[in-house]
Amino acid sequence: MPIFSKVARFARSPQGRRLAAQAMQRAKDPKTRKQIDDARRKLAARRGGGAR
């Protein structure tokens, strides 16, 4: 079974839906959003790309 099919099946499962809801809640949290933005900038700098 292709990996994308497994991911899609998991996303439709009750556990996958719960994890997606948790991720969306955490993404709305300003502290978590800052951590994500900092990690994105570090990764972009490491790759040699410009941060937006």
PDB file of N, CA and C in Angstrom:
ATOM      1  N   MET A   1       0.855  -1.184   0.000  1.00  0.00           N
ATOM      2  CA  MET A   1       0.000   0.000   0.000  1.00  0.00           C
ATOM      3  C   MET A   1       0.898   1.244   0.000  1.00  0.00           C
ATOM      4  N   PRO A   2       0.656   2.173  -0.916  1.00  0.00           N
ATOM      5  CA  PRO A   2       1.458   3.404  -0.958  1.00  0.00           C
ATOM      6  C   PRO A   2       1.343   4.195   0.346  1.00  0.00           C
ATOM      7  N   ILE A   3       2.416   4.889   0.684  1.00  0.00           N
ATOM      8  CA  ILE A   3       2.469   5.636   1.946  1.00  0.00           C
ATOM      9  C   ILE A   3       1.382   6.702   2.012  1.00  0.00           C
ATOM     10  N   PHE A   4       1.108   7.370   0.900  1.00  0.00           N
ATOM     11  CA  PHE A   4       0.083   8.417   0.921  1.00  0.00           C
ATOM     12  C   PHE A   4      -1.282   7.843   1.267  1.00  0.00           C
ATOM     13  N   SER A   5      -1.572   6.657   0.782  1.00  0.00           N
ATOM     14  CA  SER A   5      -2.850   6.019   1.092  1.00  0.00           C
ATOM     15  C   SER A   5      -2.957   5.727   2.580  1.00  0.00           C
ATOM     16  N   LYS A   6      -1.854   5.288   3.188  1.00  0.00           N
ATOM     17  CA  LYS A   6      -1.851   5.014   4.624  1.00  0.00           C
ATOM     18  C   LYS A   6      -2.077   6.299   5.417  1.00  0.00           C
ATOM     19  N   VAL A   7      -1.420   7.378   4.986  1.00  0.00           N
ATOM     20  CA  VAL A   7      -1.579   8.664   5.667  1.00  0.00           C
ATOM     21  C   VAL A   7      -3.020   9.152   5.535  1.00  0.00           C
ATOM     22  N   ALA A   8      -3.580   9.041   4.353  1.00  0.00           N
ATOM     23  CA  ALA A   8      -4.955   9.490   4.126  1.00  0.00           C
ATOM     24  C   ALA A   8      -5.933   8.667   4.965  1.00  0.00           C
ATOM     25  N   ARG A   9      -5.703   7.373   5.039  1.00  0.00           N
ATOM     26  CA  ARG A   9      -6.589   6.523   5.839  1.00  0.00           C
ATOM     27  C   ARG A   9      -6.493   6.892   7.319  1.00  0.00           C
ATOM     28  N   PHE A  10      -5.271   7.160   7.797  1.00  0.00           N
ATOM     29  CA  PHE A  10      -5.089   7.560   9.188  1.00  0.00           C
ATOM     30  C   PHE A  10      -5.783   8.894   9.454  1.00  0.00           C
ATOM     31  N   ALA A  11      -5.663   9.842   8.516  1.00  0.00           N
ATOM     32  CA  ALA A  11      -6.266  11.164   8.694  1.00  0.00           C
ATOM     33  C   ALA A  11      -7.786  11.081   8.820  1.00  0.00           C
ATOM     34  N   ARG A  12      -8.387  10.095   8.193  1.00  0.00           N
ATOM     35  CA  ARG A  12      -9.848   9.934   8.272  1.00  0.00           C
ATOM     36  C   ARG A  12     -10.283   9.172   9.523  1.00  0.00           C
ATOM     37  N   SER A  13      -9.333   8.558  10.212  1.00  0.00           N
ATOM     38  CA  SER A  13      -9.684   7.783  11.405  1.00  0.00           C
ATOM     39  C   SER A  13      -9.983   8.724  12.572  1.00  0.00           C
ATOM     40  N   PRO A  14     -10.667   8.235  13.598  1.00  0.00           N
ATOM     41  CA  PRO A  14     -10.954   9.081  14.771  1.00  0.00           C
ATOM     42  C   PRO A  14      -9.680   9.625  15.427  1.00  0.00           C
ATOM     43  N   GLN A  15      -8.654   8.790  15.530  1.00  0.00           N
ATOM     44  CA  GLN A  15      -7.398   9.248  16.132  1.00  0.00           C
ATOM     45  C   GLN A  15      -6.744  10.326  15.269  1.00  0.00           C
ATOM     46  N   GLY A  16      -6.768  10.158  13.961  1.00  0.00           N
ATOM     47  CA  GLY A  16      -6.199  11.147  13.055  1.00  0.00           C
ATOM     48  C   GLY A  16      -6.938  12.478  13.140  1.00  0.00           C
ATOM     49  N   ARG A  17      -8.243  12.411  13.266  1.00  0.00           N
ATOM     50  CA  ARG A  17      -9.039  13.639  13.393  1.00  0.00           C
ATOM     51  C   ARG A  17      -8.738  14.355  14.696  1.00  0.00           C
ATOM     52  N   ARG A  18      -8.558  13.576  15.780  1.00  0.00           N
ATOM     53  CA  ARG A  18      -8.201  14.183  17.069  1.00  0.00           C
ATOM     54  C   ARG A  18      -6.849  14.876  16.979  1.00  0.00           C
ATOM     55  N   LEU A  19      -5.866  14.207  16.369  1.00  0.00           N
ATOM     56  CA  LEU A  19      -4.539  14.803  16.245  1.00  0.00           C
ATOM     57  C   LEU A  19      -4.567  16.060  15.377  1.00  0.00           C
ATOM     58  N   ALA A  20      -5.363  16.041  14.322  1.00  0.00           N
ATOM     59  CA  ALA A  20      -5.483  17.221  13.462  1.00  0.00           C
ATOM     60  C   ALA A  20      -6.098  18.382  14.235  1.00  0.00           C
ATOM     61  N   ALA A  21      -7.105  18.094  15.052  1.00  0.00           N
ATOM     62  CA  ALA A  21      -7.741  19.146  15.849  1.00  0.00           C
ATOM     63  C   ALA A  21      -6.757  19.720  16.865  1.00  0.00           C
ATOM     64  N   GLN A  22      -5.961  18.853  17.493  1.00  0.00           N
ATOM     65  CA  GLN A  22      -4.950  19.319  18.449  1.00  0.00           C
ATOM     66  C   GLN A  22      -3.909  20.194  17.753  1.00  0.00           C
ATOM     67  N   ALA A  23      -3.484  19.786  16.579  1.00  0.00           N
ATOM     68  CA  ALA A  23      -2.485  20.560  15.835  1.00  0.00           C
ATOM     69  C   ALA A  23      -3.028  21.938  15.472  1.00  0.00           C
ATOM     70  N   MET A  24      -4.287  22.001  15.086  1.00  0.00           N
ATOM     71  CA  MET A  24      -4.877  23.287  14.730  1.00  0.00           C
ATOM     72  C   MET A  24      -4.991  24.193  15.952  1.00  0.00           C
ATOM     73  N   GLN A  25      -5.353  23.619  17.098  1.00  0.00           N
ATOM     74  CA  GLN A  25      -5.422  24.409  18.327  1.00  0.00           C
ATOM     75  C   GLN A  25      -4.051  24.947  18.706  1.00  0.00           C
ATOM     76  N   ARG A  26      -3.034  24.104  18.621  1.00  0.00           N
ATOM     77  CA  ARG A  26      -1.681  24.532  18.974  1.00  0.00           C
ATOM     78  C   ARG A  26      -1.156  25.565  17.994  1.00  0.00           C
ATOM     79  N   ALA A  27      -1.545  25.476  16.741  1.00  0.00           N
ATOM     80  CA  ALA A  27      -1.103  26.444  15.743  1.00  0.00           C
ATOM     81  C   ALA A  27      -1.681  27.827  16.023  1.00  0.00           C
ATOM     82  N   LYS A  28      -2.817  27.883  16.687  1.00  0.00           N
ATOM     83  CA  LYS A  28      -3.435  29.172  17.012  1.00  0.00           C
ATOM     84  C   LYS A  28      -2.799  29.831  18.236  1.00  0.00           C
ATOM     85  N   ASP A  29      -2.094  29.053  19.050  1.00  0.00           N
ATOM     86  CA  ASP A  29      -1.466  29.563  20.265  1.00  0.00           C
ATOM     87  C   ASP A  29      -0.262  30.436  19.883  1.00  0.00           C
ATOM     88  N   PRO A  30      -0.204  31.694  20.353  1.00  0.00           N
ATOM     89  CA  PRO A  30       0.890  32.598  19.975  1.00  0.00           C
ATOM     90  C   PRO A  30       2.279  32.052  20.343  1.00  0.00           C
ATOM     91  N   LYS A  31       2.395  31.411  21.485  1.00  0.00           N
ATOM     92  CA  LYS A  31       3.697  30.866  21.903  1.00  0.00           C
ATOM     93  C   LYS A  31       4.154  29.759  20.942  1.00  0.00           C
ATOM     94  N   THR A  32       3.242  28.866  20.605  1.00  0.00           N
ATOM     95  CA  THR A  32       3.564  27.783  19.685  1.00  0.00           C
ATOM     96  C   THR A  32       3.862  28.337  18.297  1.00  0.00           C
ATOM     97  N   ARG A  33       3.092  29.333  17.878  1.00  0.00           N
ATOM     98  CA  ARG A  33       3.320  29.935  16.555  1.00  0.00           C
ATOM     99  C   ARG A  33       4.715  30.554  16.477  1.00  0.00           C
ATOM    100  N   LYS A  34       5.159  31.184  17.560  1.00  0.00           N
ATOM    101  CA  LYS A  34       6.501  31.772  17.584  1.00  0.00           C
ATOM    102  C   LYS A  34       7.554  30.674  17.464  1.00  0.00           C
ATOM    103  N   GLN A  35       7.360  29.559  18.157  1.00  0.00           N
ATOM    104  CA  GLN A  35       8.310  28.453  18.072  1.00  0.00           C
ATOM    105  C   GLN A  35       8.377  27.914  16.648  1.00  0.00           C
ATOM    106  N   ILE A  36       7.228  27.801  15.999  1.00  0.00           N
ATOM    107  CA  ILE A  36       7.192  27.313  14.625  1.00  0.00           C
ATOM    108  C   ILE A  36       7.910  28.290  13.699  1.00  0.00           C
ATOM    109  N   ASP A  37       7.655  29.585  13.860  1.00  0.00           N
ATOM    110  CA  ASP A  37       8.300  30.590  13.020  1.00  0.00           C
ATOM    111  C   ASP A  37       9.821  30.591  13.226  1.00  0.00           C
ATOM    112  N   ASP A  38      10.258  30.449  14.479  1.00  0.00           N
ATOM    113  CA  ASP A  38      11.698  30.402  14.759  1.00  0.00           C
ATOM    114  C   ASP A  38      12.341  29.184  14.095  1.00  0.00           C
ATOM    115  N   ALA A  39      11.698  28.038  14.204  1.00  0.00           N
ATOM    116  CA  ALA A  39      12.227  26.821  13.590  1.00  0.00           C
ATOM    117  C   ALA A  39      12.270  26.962  12.071  1.00  0.00           C
ATOM    118  N   ARG A  40      11.240  27.580  11.492  1.00  0.00           N
ATOM    119  CA  ARG A  40      11.200  27.782  10.041  1.00  0.00           C
ATOM    120  C   ARG A  40      12.347  28.687   9.587  1.00  0.00           C
ATOM    121  N   ARG A  41      12.614  29.756  10.367  1.00  0.00           N
ATOM    122  CA  ARG A  41      13.721  30.661  10.022  1.00  0.00           C
ATOM    123  C   ARG A  41      15.065  29.950  10.108  1.00  0.00           C
ATOM    124  N   LYS A  42      15.253  29.147  11.149  1.00  0.00           N
ATOM    125  CA  LYS A  42      16.511  28.410  11.301  1.00  0.00           C
ATOM    126  C   LYS A  42      16.719  27.455  10.138  1.00  0.00           C
ATOM    127  N   LEU A  43      15.666  26.753   9.757  1.00  0.00           N
ATOM    128  CA  LEU A  43      15.763  25.812   8.650  1.00  0.00           C
ATOM    129  C   LEU A  43      16.078  26.550   7.350  1.00  0.00           C
ATOM    130  N   ALA A  44      15.433  27.672   7.119  1.00  0.00           N
ATOM    131  CA  ALA A  44      15.673  28.444   5.901  1.00  0.00           C
ATOM    132  C   ALA A  44      17.113  28.957   5.878  1.00  0.00           C
ATOM    133  N   ALA A  45      17.626  29.397   7.025  1.00  0.00           N
ATOM    134  CA  ALA A  45      18.993  29.893   7.087  1.00  0.00           C
ATOM    135  C   ALA A  45      19.991  28.760   6.839  1.00  0.00           C
ATOM    136  N   ARG A  46      19.692  27.599   7.362  1.00  0.00           N
ATOM    137  CA  ARG A  46      20.574  26.439   7.179  1.00  0.00           C
ATOM    138  C   ARG A  46      20.611  25.995   5.721  1.00  0.00           C
ATOM    139  N   ARG A  47      19.488  26.123   5.050  1.00  0.00           N
ATOM    140  CA  ARG A  47      19.399  25.717   3.646  1.00  0.00           C
ATOM    141  C   ARG A  47      19.950  26.796   2.715  1.00  0.00           C
ATOM    142  N   GLY A  48      20.234  27.962   3.271  1.00  0.00           N
ATOM    143  CA  GLY A  48      20.750  29.039   2.446  1.00  0.00           C
ATOM    144  C   GLY A  48      19.674  29.895   1.813  1.00  0.00           C
ATOM    145  N   GLY A  49      18.432  29.629   2.165  1.00  0.00           N
ATOM    146  CA  GLY A  49      17.323  30.406   1.612  1.00  0.00           C
ATOM    147  C   GLY A  49      17.026  31.604   2.488  1.00  0.00           C
ATOM    148  N   GLY A  50      16.355  32.540   1.937  1.00  0.00           N
ATOM    149  CA  GLY A  50      15.973  33.723   2.703  1.00  0.00           C
ATOM    150  C   GLY A  50      14.698  33.473   3.475  1.00  0.00           C
ATOM    151  N   ALA A  51      14.644  33.972   4.680  1.00  0.00           N
ATOM    152  CA  ALA A  51      13.425  33.838   5.484  1.00  0.00           C
ATOM    153  C   ALA A  51      12.446  34.932   5.076  1.00  0.00           C
ATOM    154  N   ARG A  52      11.168  34.624   5.071  1.00  0.00           N
ATOM    155  CA  ARG A  52      10.147  35.609   4.679  1.00  0.00           C
ATOM    156  C   ARG A  52       9.755  36.454   5.839  1.00  0.00           C
TER     157      ARG A  52
END
